[in-house]
């Protein structure tokens, strides 16, 4: 992945009617959690503080972070990336550096048999140019020195700084080679993120979809762009992606299956008829 490709990130959505909410926002909004105790929206972040503090006590997670020599105050975001991968609601939203991967996720589960042109009949590909608009600072948390590693508590004050957009990525080489940083943020326990060329964007707001970050940008200079594609193109796109080897087995690799396949290919080869 060269420097130019790191500049652009993508996300595929299987319906153009959906906003860019992360899983925690959907969980928070659908369950009306603000009404459970009559608290203000700031409790949204306290929910993650509780989740993380509980997960830090898990024996397996403790062993993992001991292996990586991370201190208790350094593990909020690496741990959040694990929770994201295994289905817990988090304030992280998946993106990718690979346009084809975004297409795969957008079309993966589409079955379309209609002929209409409503918004529901389109899927979306979002593209962000991280360097386009100087009003917004995209900051890789992995590039922050370990003694300055942020915790969820730090984002109570972040709420008033919408122009700062934090993301987690193990792919940006200039960060990986620096000393005194956390060695892995997103690929601990998540090998899928490697073929998916994935990164995670943090959104601390309970009900602000990510595209609304840029609502005050001049239209000709927005760092975010969206294209809607009719769903009748989904099957064609899937077949084109298959030719590029962007398939389910690539996106969601099974290491055990790959290991068995290596043996089976060898056994098939030596038993070929002359």
Protein backbone atom coordinates (compact mmCIF):
# COMPACT_ATOMS: atom_id res chain seq x y z
CA UNK A 1 0.00 0.00 0.00
CA UNK A 2 1.72 3.20 -1.14
CA UNK A 3 1.42 6.68 0.35
CA UNK A 4 -1.15 7.85 -2.19
CA UNK A 5 -3.55 4.99 -1.45
CA UNK A 6 -3.45 5.79 2.27
CA UNK A 7 -4.91 9.17 1.47
CA UNK A 8 -8.26 7.70 0.38
CA UNK A 9 -10.59 5.50 2.42
CA UNK A 10 -13.91 3.90 1.47
CA UNK A 11 -17.02 2.40 3.00
CA UNK A 12 -19.71 0.37 1.27
CA UNK A 13 -23.35 0.54 2.39
CA UNK A 14 -25.89 -1.96 1.04
CA UNK A 15 -28.64 0.65 1.03
CA UNK A 16 -28.35 4.31 0.07
CA UNK A 17 -31.04 5.20 2.61
CA UNK A 18 -28.75 4.35 5.53
CA UNK A 19 -26.73 6.96 7.39
CA UNK A 20 -23.18 6.38 8.64
CA UNK A 21 -24.08 5.32 12.16
CA UNK A 22 -21.75 2.97 14.02
CA UNK A 23 -23.08 -0.07 15.90
CA UNK A 24 -23.14 1.71 19.27
CA UNK A 25 -25.19 4.59 17.88
CA UNK A 26 -27.71 2.19 16.36
CA UNK A 27 -27.93 0.31 19.66
CA UNK A 28 -28.24 3.54 21.64
CA UNK A 29 -30.91 5.08 19.41
CA UNK A 30 -33.02 1.96 18.79
CA UNK A 31 -33.18 1.17 22.52
CA UNK A 32 -33.74 4.79 23.62
CA UNK A 33 -31.11 4.37 26.32
CA UNK A 34 -31.20 8.06 27.24
CA UNK A 35 -34.63 7.41 28.79
CA UNK A 36 -33.61 4.44 30.93
CA UNK A 37 -32.26 6.54 33.78
CA UNK A 38 -33.19 10.01 32.61
CA UNK A 39 -29.54 10.90 32.04
CA UNK A 40 -28.06 13.23 29.43
CA UNK A 41 -26.40 12.01 26.23
CA UNK A 42 -22.97 12.19 27.86
CA UNK A 43 -23.85 8.83 29.44
CA UNK A 44 -23.25 7.35 26.00
CA UNK A 45 -19.49 7.47 26.61
CA UNK A 46 -19.91 6.19 30.15
CA UNK A 47 -21.45 3.06 28.69
CA UNK A 48 -18.17 2.35 26.89
CA UNK A 49 -16.13 3.16 29.94
CA UNK A 50 -18.07 0.50 31.83
CA UNK A 51 -17.76 -2.03 28.97
CA UNK A 52 -14.02 -1.49 28.70
CA UNK A 53 -13.42 -1.65 32.45
CA UNK A 54 -15.31 -4.92 32.58
CA UNK A 55 -13.47 -6.36 29.56
CA UNK A 56 -10.09 -5.40 31.07
CA UNK A 57 -10.80 -7.87 33.88
CA UNK A 58 -11.26 -10.75 31.45
CA UNK A 59 -8.42 -13.22 31.97
CA UNK A 60 -7.81 -13.84 28.26
CA UNK A 61 -7.69 -10.14 27.37
CA UNK A 62 -5.35 -9.50 30.29
CA UNK A 63 -2.96 -12.17 28.99
CA UNK A 64 -3.04 -10.68 25.48
CA UNK A 65 -2.21 -7.18 26.63
CA UNK A 66 0.46 -8.46 28.99
CA UNK A 67 2.04 -10.17 25.98
CA UNK A 68 2.04 -6.86 24.08
CA UNK A 69 3.34 -5.09 27.21
CA UNK A 70 0.52 -2.59 27.30
CA UNK A 71 -0.29 -0.75 30.49
CA UNK A 72 -3.86 -0.43 31.76
CA UNK A 73 -4.14 3.17 30.53
CA UNK A 74 -2.95 2.23 27.03
CA UNK A 75 -5.51 -0.40 26.10
CA UNK A 76 -8.87 1.39 25.73
CA UNK A 77 -8.71 1.63 21.94
CA UNK A 78 -6.91 -1.66 21.18
CA UNK A 79 -9.52 -3.37 23.36
CA UNK A 80 -12.33 -1.47 21.66
CA UNK A 81 -11.11 -2.77 18.29
CA UNK A 82 -11.37 -6.33 19.65
CA UNK A 83 -14.92 -5.71 20.92
CA UNK A 84 -15.79 -4.25 17.50
CA UNK A 85 -14.55 -7.37 15.71
CA UNK A 86 -16.51 -9.73 17.92
CA UNK A 87 -19.85 -7.97 17.66
CA UNK A 88 -20.09 -5.71 20.71
CA UNK A 89 -21.56 -2.27 20.00
CA UNK A 90 -18.73 0.27 19.85
CA UNK A 91 -18.31 3.88 18.66
CA UNK A 92 -16.03 2.65 15.84
CA UNK A 93 -17.01 2.51 12.17
CA UNK A 94 -15.26 0.21 9.70
CA UNK A 95 -13.60 1.69 6.60
CA UNK A 96 -11.10 0.34 4.09
CA UNK A 97 -8.23 1.63 1.98
CA UNK A 98 -9.38 -0.66 -0.84
CA UNK A 99 -12.20 0.45 -3.15
CA UNK A 100 -12.89 -3.15 -4.24
CA UNK A 101 -13.32 -4.23 -0.62
CA UNK A 102 -15.87 -1.45 -0.11
CA UNK A 103 -17.72 -2.70 -3.19
CA UNK A 104 -17.70 -6.22 -1.76
CA UNK A 105 -19.29 -5.15 1.52
CA UNK A 106 -21.85 -2.98 -0.28
CA UNK A 107 -23.03 -5.80 -2.55
CA UNK A 108 -22.40 -8.85 -0.35
CA UNK A 109 -26.01 -9.42 0.74
CA UNK A 110 -27.99 -7.69 -2.00
CA UNK A 111 -30.66 -9.70 -3.79
CA UNK A 112 -32.54 -7.39 -6.13
CA UNK A 113 -35.46 -8.23 -8.39
CA UNK A 114 -37.26 -4.89 -8.71
CA UNK A 115 -37.34 -2.18 -11.35
CA UNK A 116 -38.04 1.00 -9.38
CA UNK A 117 -35.75 3.96 -8.72
CA UNK A 118 -36.44 4.87 -5.10
CA UNK A 119 -33.54 5.48 -2.73
CA UNK A 120 -34.03 1.95 -1.37
CA UNK A 121 -33.07 0.56 -4.78
CA UNK A 122 -29.51 1.93 -4.57
CA UNK A 123 -26.44 1.07 -2.56
CA UNK A 124 -23.70 3.56 -1.66
CA UNK A 125 -19.94 3.86 -1.74
CA UNK A 126 -18.46 6.58 0.46
CA UNK A 127 -15.02 7.97 -0.24
CA UNK A 128 -12.96 10.23 2.01
CA UNK A 129 -9.88 12.17 1.02
CA UNK A 130 -8.11 12.59 4.36
CA UNK A 131 -5.92 15.37 2.99
CA UNK A 132 -8.43 17.40 1.00
CA UNK A 133 -9.84 19.84 3.52
CA UNK A 134 -7.52 21.56 6.00
CA UNK A 135 -10.50 22.27 8.27
CA UNK A 136 -10.45 18.62 9.36
CA UNK A 137 -7.56 16.79 10.97
CA UNK A 138 -7.53 13.02 10.54
CA UNK A 139 -5.29 11.68 13.30
CA UNK A 140 -4.17 8.07 13.53
CA UNK A 141 -4.26 7.13 17.20
CA UNK A 142 -1.44 4.71 16.55
CA UNK A 143 0.85 7.64 15.83
CA UNK A 144 0.39 9.11 19.31
CA UNK A 145 3.27 8.35 21.73
CA UNK A 146 2.44 5.74 24.35
CA UNK A 147 2.68 8.21 27.21
CA UNK A 148 -0.04 10.27 25.51
CA UNK A 149 -2.32 7.37 24.51
CA UNK A 150 -5.93 8.60 24.84
CA UNK A 151 -8.55 6.90 26.97
CA UNK A 152 -12.32 7.01 26.58
CA UNK A 153 -12.45 9.52 29.45
CA UNK A 154 -10.42 11.94 27.33
CA UNK A 155 -13.28 12.26 24.86
CA UNK A 156 -15.60 14.04 27.22
CA UNK A 157 -13.69 17.17 26.25
CA UNK A 158 -13.39 15.99 22.63
CA UNK A 159 -17.13 16.45 22.08
CA UNK A 160 -16.62 20.15 21.33
CA UNK A 161 -13.89 19.45 18.75
CA UNK A 162 -15.72 18.06 15.74
CA UNK A 163 -12.89 19.02 13.41
CA UNK A 164 -10.62 16.37 14.98
CA UNK A 165 -11.31 12.93 13.53
CA UNK A 166 -9.50 10.06 15.18
CA UNK A 167 -8.97 6.74 13.47
CA UNK A 168 -7.19 3.47 14.23
CA UNK A 169 -4.98 1.90 11.58
CA UNK A 170 -2.06 -0.53 11.56
CA UNK A 171 -1.46 0.07 7.85
CA UNK A 172 0.17 3.46 7.76
CA UNK A 173 3.88 2.60 7.51
CA UNK A 174 5.31 5.85 8.79
CA UNK A 175 3.51 5.19 12.07
CA UNK A 176 4.55 1.54 12.33
CA UNK A 177 8.27 2.34 12.17
CA UNK A 178 8.22 4.92 14.95
CA UNK A 179 9.45 4.02 18.40
CA UNK A 180 7.47 4.37 21.61
CA UNK A 181 4.10 3.56 20.04
CA UNK A 182 1.68 0.69 20.48
CA UNK A 183 2.68 -2.04 18.03
CA UNK A 184 -0.87 -3.07 17.08
CA UNK A 185 -4.22 -1.39 17.38
CA UNK A 186 -6.58 -3.15 15.00
CA UNK A 187 -4.97 -6.46 14.06
CA UNK A 188 -4.83 -7.91 17.58
CA UNK A 189 -7.23 -10.84 17.43
CA UNK A 190 -8.46 -9.75 14.00
CA UNK A 191 -6.61 -11.24 11.06
CA UNK A 192 -9.56 -10.36 8.79
CA UNK A 193 -8.57 -6.72 8.89
CA UNK A 194 -5.42 -7.51 6.88
CA UNK A 195 -7.07 -8.74 3.64
CA UNK A 196 -9.84 -6.20 4.21
CA UNK A 197 -7.22 -3.41 4.48
CA UNK A 198 -9.38 -2.02 7.22
CA UNK A 199 -9.28 0.93 9.56
CA UNK A 200 -11.68 2.17 12.21
CA UNK A 201 -12.99 5.71 12.69
CA UNK A 202 -14.03 6.83 16.16
CA UNK A 203 -17.26 8.79 16.60
CA UNK A 204 -17.94 9.84 20.24
CA UNK A 205 -21.35 11.38 19.55
CA UNK A 206 -24.50 9.42 20.44
CA UNK A 207 -26.69 10.48 17.52
CA UNK A 208 -24.53 12.31 14.95
CA UNK A 209 -23.94 10.17 11.84
CA UNK A 210 -20.41 10.46 10.55
CA UNK A 211 -21.31 12.27 7.31
CA UNK A 212 -22.73 15.13 9.41
CA UNK A 213 -19.22 15.96 10.61
CA UNK A 214 -18.74 17.73 7.29
CA UNK A 215 -22.04 19.60 7.05
CA UNK A 216 -20.29 23.00 7.34
CA UNK A 217 -17.73 22.28 4.60
CA UNK A 218 -18.07 24.17 1.31
CA UNK A 219 -19.70 21.79 -1.17
CA UNK A 220 -16.80 22.02 -3.65
CA UNK A 221 -14.23 21.07 -1.01
CA UNK A 222 -15.82 18.40 1.16
CA UNK A 223 -13.45 15.59 2.10
CA UNK A 224 -16.33 13.09 1.95
CA UNK A 225 -18.07 12.01 -1.24
CA UNK A 226 -20.85 9.51 -1.87
CA UNK A 227 -21.91 7.74 -5.03
CA UNK A 228 -25.16 5.75 -5.27
CA UNK A 229 -25.28 2.72 -7.55
CA UNK A 230 -28.45 0.89 -8.58
CA UNK A 231 -28.82 -2.54 -7.02
CA UNK A 232 -29.38 -4.22 -10.36
CA UNK A 233 -25.60 -3.82 -10.81
CA UNK A 234 -24.82 -5.85 -7.68
CA UNK A 235 -24.52 -9.28 -9.32
CA UNK A 236 -22.36 -7.91 -12.13
CA UNK A 237 -20.06 -6.23 -9.58
CA UNK A 238 -19.78 -9.41 -7.50
CA UNK A 239 -18.69 -11.37 -10.57
CA UNK A 240 -16.11 -8.72 -11.47
CA UNK A 241 -14.78 -8.82 -7.92
CA UNK A 242 -14.55 -12.60 -8.09
CA UNK A 243 -12.17 -12.28 -11.04
CA UNK A 244 -9.99 -10.11 -8.80
CA UNK A 245 -10.14 -12.80 -6.07
CA UNK A 246 -12.21 -10.51 -3.81
CA UNK A 247 -14.44 -13.29 -2.49
CA UNK A 248 -15.94 -14.36 0.83
CA UNK A 249 -13.02 -16.70 1.51
CA UNK A 250 -10.62 -13.81 0.97
CA UNK A 251 -12.55 -11.22 3.01
CA UNK A 252 -13.28 -13.66 5.85
CA UNK A 253 -10.29 -16.01 5.76
CA UNK A 254 -10.28 -19.30 7.65
CA UNK A 255 -6.68 -20.07 8.53
CA UNK A 256 -7.58 -23.66 9.43
CA UNK A 257 -9.17 -24.18 5.99
CA UNK A 258 -6.15 -22.65 4.27
CA UNK A 259 -3.83 -24.96 6.18
CA UNK A 260 -5.90 -28.03 5.26
CA UNK A 261 -6.06 -26.91 1.62
CA UNK A 262 -2.26 -26.83 1.44
CA UNK A 263 -2.14 -30.50 2.46
CA UNK A 264 -5.03 -31.52 0.19
CA UNK A 265 -3.45 -29.86 -2.84
CA UNK A 266 -0.26 -31.80 -2.17
CA UNK A 267 -2.13 -35.12 -1.75
CA UNK A 268 -4.19 -34.50 -4.89
CA UNK A 269 -1.02 -33.77 -6.82
CA UNK A 270 0.82 -36.96 -5.85
CA UNK A 271 -2.22 -39.14 -6.62
CA UNK A 272 -2.75 -37.81 -10.15
CA UNK A 273 -2.96 -40.46 -12.81
CA UNK A 274 -0.01 -40.44 -15.20
